[in-house]
C-alpha atoms as a PDB file:
ATOM      1  CA  UNK A   1     118.263  88.046 153.912  1.00  0.00           C
ATOM      2  CA  UNK A   2     119.593  88.806 157.475  1.00  0.00           C
ATOM      3  CA  UNK A   3     121.475  86.132 159.475  1.00  0.00           C
ATOM      4  CA  UNK A   4     124.090  85.819 162.024  1.00  0.00           C
ATOM      5  CA  UNK A   5     127.815  85.233 160.974  1.00  0.00           C
ATOM      6  CA  UNK A   6     130.681  84.050 162.616  1.00  0.00           C
ATOM      7  CA  UNK A   7     131.544  81.988 165.663  1.00  0.00           C
ATOM      8  CA  UNK A   8     128.999  80.208 167.464  1.00  0.00           C
ATOM      9  CA  UNK A   9     126.355  80.990 164.850  1.00  0.00           C
ATOM     10  CA  UNK A  10     123.975  78.244 166.137  1.00  0.00           C
ATOM     11  CA  UNK A  11     123.855  80.614 169.548  1.00  0.00           C
ATOM     12  CA  UNK A  12     123.393  83.684 167.342  1.00  0.00           C
ATOM     13  CA  UNK A  13     120.476  82.402 165.553  1.00  0.00           C
ATOM     14  CA  UNK A  14     118.743  82.007 169.236  1.00  0.00           C
ATOM     15  CA  UNK A  15     118.791  85.684 168.852  1.00  0.00           C
ATOM     16  CA  UNK A  16     119.029  86.975 165.504  1.00  0.00           C
ATOM     17  CA  UNK A  17     117.475  83.860 163.979  1.00  0.00           C
ATOM     18  CA  UNK A  18     117.596  84.062 159.971  1.00  0.00           C
ATOM     19  CA  UNK A  19     115.078  86.687 158.270  1.00  0.00           C
ATOM     20  CA  UNK A  20     113.595  87.833 155.354  1.00  0.00           C
ATOM     21  CA  UNK A  21     113.733  91.320 154.818  1.00  0.00           C
ATOM     22  CA  UNK A  22     111.103  91.714 151.617  1.00  0.00           C
ATOM     23  CA  UNK A  23     111.224  95.233 149.723  1.00  0.00           C
ATOM     24  CA  UNK A  24     108.441  95.482 147.202  1.00  0.00           C
ATOM     25  CA  UNK A  25     108.763  98.079 144.558  1.00  0.00           C
ATOM     26  CA  UNK A  26     107.421  99.069 141.547  1.00  0.00           C
ATOM     27  CA  UNK A  27     108.986  99.785 137.899  1.00  0.00           C
ATOM     28  CA  UNK A  28     109.915 103.537 139.529  1.00  0.00           C
ATOM     29  CA  UNK A  29     110.874 102.375 142.532  1.00  0.00           C
ATOM     30  CA  UNK A  30     108.065 103.437 144.816  1.00  0.00           C
ATOM     31  CA  UNK A  31     107.550 100.954 148.019  1.00  0.00           C
ATOM     32  CA  UNK A  32     104.288 102.500 148.880  1.00  0.00           C
ATOM     33  CA  UNK A  33     102.206  99.481 148.964  1.00  0.00           C
ATOM     34  CA  UNK A  34     101.017  98.743 152.683  1.00  0.00           C
ATOM     35  CA  UNK A  35      98.382  96.417 151.572  1.00  0.00           C
ATOM     36  CA  UNK A  36     100.212  94.258 149.502  1.00  0.00           C
ATOM     37  CA  UNK A  37     101.354  91.356 151.757  1.00  0.00           C
ATOM     38  CA  UNK A  38     103.377  88.310 150.954  1.00  0.00           C
ATOM     39  CA  UNK A  39      99.751  86.173 151.302  1.00  0.00           C
ATOM     40  CA  UNK A  40      97.853  88.612 148.768  1.00  0.00           C
ATOM     41  CA  UNK A  41     100.781  88.544 146.227  1.00  0.00           C
ATOM     42  CA  UNK A  42     100.883  84.687 146.143  1.00  0.00           C
ATOM     43  CA  UNK A  43      96.818  84.944 145.650  1.00  0.00           C
ATOM     44  CA  UNK A  44      97.467  86.348 142.519  1.00  0.00           C
ATOM     45  CA  UNK A  45     100.146  84.929 140.657  1.00  0.00           C
ATOM     46  CA  UNK A  46     100.008  83.799 137.172  1.00  0.00           C
ATOM     47  CA  UNK A  47     102.349  81.600 135.176  1.00  0.00           C
ATOM     48  CA  UNK A  48     104.402  83.158 132.493  1.00  0.00           C
ATOM     49  CA  UNK A  49     106.162  81.203 129.478  1.00  0.00           C
ATOM     50  CA  UNK A  50     109.371  80.769 130.022  1.00  0.00           C
ATOM     51  CA  UNK A  51     110.026  82.431 126.586  1.00  0.00           C
ATOM     52  CA  UNK A  52     107.975  85.676 127.147  1.00  0.00           C
ATOM     53  CA  UNK A  53     109.680  85.805 130.800  1.00  0.00           C
ATOM     54  CA  UNK A  54     112.984  85.764 129.101  1.00  0.00           C
ATOM     55  CA  UNK A  55     112.118  88.569 126.906  1.00  0.00           C
ATOM     56  CA  UNK A  56     110.739  90.381 129.600  1.00  0.00           C
ATOM     57  CA  UNK A  57     114.319  89.871 131.677  1.00  0.00           C
ATOM     58  CA  UNK A  58     116.137  91.114 128.585  1.00  0.00           C
ATOM     59  CA  UNK A  59     113.740  94.408 127.804  1.00  0.00           C
ATOM     60  CA  UNK A  60     113.702  95.487 131.357  1.00  0.00           C
ATOM     61  CA  UNK A  61     117.302  94.467 132.780  1.00  0.00           C
ATOM     62  CA  UNK A  62     118.430  97.970 133.277  1.00  0.00           C
ATOM     63  CA  UNK A  63     115.843  98.454 135.012  1.00  0.00           C
ATOM     64  CA  UNK A  64     115.974  95.250 137.078  1.00  0.00           C
ATOM     65  CA  UNK A  65     119.689  95.864 138.482  1.00  0.00           C
ATOM     66  CA  UNK A  66     118.697  99.605 139.463  1.00  0.00           C
ATOM     67  CA  UNK A  67     115.774  98.474 141.601  1.00  0.00           C
ATOM     68  CA  UNK A  68     117.568  95.340 142.773  1.00  0.00           C
ATOM     69  CA  UNK A  69     120.169  98.058 144.221  1.00  0.00           C
ATOM     70  CA  UNK A  70     117.366 100.474 145.486  1.00  0.00           C
ATOM     71  CA  UNK A  71     116.318  97.561 147.472  1.00  0.00           C
ATOM     72  CA  UNK A  72     119.586  96.294 148.415  1.00  0.00           C
ATOM     73  CA  UNK A  73     119.658  99.562 150.055  1.00  0.00           C
ATOM     74  CA  UNK A  74     116.499  99.655 151.918  1.00  0.00           C
ATOM     75  CA  UNK A  75     117.006  96.053 153.156  1.00  0.00           C
ATOM     76  CA  UNK A  76     120.465  97.385 154.543  1.00  0.00           C
ATOM     77  CA  UNK A  77     118.568 100.452 156.258  1.00  0.00           C
ATOM     78  CA  UNK A  78     116.088  98.196 158.112  1.00  0.00           C
ATOM     79  CA  UNK A  79     118.861  95.505 159.209  1.00  0.00           C
ATOM     80  CA  UNK A  80     120.030  97.446 162.245  1.00  0.00           C
ATOM     81  CA  UNK A  81     116.499  97.231 163.970  1.00  0.00           C
ATOM     82  CA  UNK A  82     116.713  94.015 163.821  1.00  0.00           C
ATOM     83  CA  UNK A  83     120.003  93.722 165.033  1.00  0.00           C
ATOM     84  CA  UNK A  84     119.134  96.138 167.730  1.00  0.00           C
ATOM     85  CA  UNK A  85     115.937  93.905 168.654  1.00  0.00           C
ATOM     86  CA  UNK A  86     118.119  90.990 168.818  1.00  0.00           C
ATOM     87  CA  UNK A  87     120.266  92.608 171.032  1.00  0.00           C
ATOM     88  CA  UNK A  88     117.581  94.072 173.423  1.00  0.00           C
ATOM     89  CA  UNK A  89     116.509  90.099 173.519  1.00  0.00           C
ATOM     90  CA  UNK A  90     119.772  88.882 174.502  1.00  0.00           C
ATOM     91  CA  UNK A  91     120.053  91.822 177.221  1.00  0.00           C
ATOM     92  CA  UNK A  92     116.610  90.292 178.282  1.00  0.00           C
ATOM     93  CA  UNK A  93     118.022  86.917 178.485  1.00  0.00           C
ATOM     94  CA  UNK A  94     121.337  87.057 180.078  1.00  0.00           C
ATOM     95  CA  UNK A  95     120.765  90.184 182.567  1.00  0.00           C
ATOM     96  CA  UNK A  96     118.862  88.036 185.147  1.00  0.00           C
ATOM     97  CA  UNK A  97     121.052  84.914 184.912  1.00  0.00           C
ATOM     98  CA  UNK A  98     123.993  87.584 185.463  1.00  0.00           C
ATOM     99  CA  UNK A  99     122.626  89.358 188.364  1.00  0.00           C
ATOM    100  CA  UNK A 100     121.827  85.811 189.978  1.00  0.00           C
ATOM    101  CA  UNK A 101     125.210  84.764 189.547  1.00  0.00           C
ATOM    102  CA  UNK A 102     126.607  87.705 191.218  1.00  0.00           C
ATOM    103  CA  UNK A 103     124.098  86.956 193.815  1.00  0.00           C
ATOM    104  CA  UNK A 104     125.012  83.416 194.502  1.00  0.00           C
ATOM    105  CA  UNK A 105     129.084  84.166 194.117  1.00  0.00           C
ATOM    106  CA  UNK A 106     128.247  86.476 197.409  1.00  0.00           C
ATOM    107  CA  UNK A 107     127.336  83.252 199.472  1.00  0.00           C
ATOM    108  CA  UNK A 108     129.120  80.486 197.221  1.00  0.00           C
ATOM    109  CA  UNK A 109     132.953  80.941 196.397  1.00  0.00           C
ATOM    110  CA  UNK A 110     132.500  78.223 193.358  1.00  0.00           C
ATOM    111  CA  UNK A 111     130.900  80.528 191.411  1.00  0.00           C
ATOM    112  CA  UNK A 112     133.823  82.029 189.354  1.00  0.00           C
ATOM    113  CA  UNK A 113     134.571  85.355 188.055  1.00  0.00           C
ATOM    114  CA  UNK A 114     135.009  83.898 184.486  1.00  0.00           C
ATOM    115  CA  UNK A 115     131.632  82.472 184.588  1.00  0.00           C
ATOM    116  CA  UNK A 116     130.247  85.520 184.731  1.00  0.00           C
ATOM    117  CA  UNK A 117     132.617  87.184 182.377  1.00  0.00           C
ATOM    118  CA  UNK A 118     131.903  84.838 179.876  1.00  0.00           C
ATOM    119  CA  UNK A 119     127.833  85.662 179.916  1.00  0.00           C
ATOM    120  CA  UNK A 120     128.380  89.283 180.567  1.00  0.00           C
ATOM    121  CA  UNK A 121     130.415  89.545 176.890  1.00  0.00           C
ATOM    122  CA  UNK A 122     127.622  87.100 175.062  1.00  0.00           C
END
């Protein structure tokens, strides 16, 4: 899960909404399954008895931990792209407003530099 943190999280969520980064790996760590989307996987779900699920997890615990590490690394590699897209949305939103305030400031002295700087630092 990639989500904004720190101050003004609600404001940050406008540009970087919480996003699920989906990683699908097989037991060998391969993720070459472009045809397996979320919906097609959900259509083929089969319930498994709790006892059997526990046994599988115990038998494959080391492999599962290794796959979790690999998937976390892959998700971390995708995060910068999502953040860059959010930054582009921020620039696209605020640049026209900053330019509008600068133009307005030329004819209206009530528009303070602090207002423009506040938007510029967002």
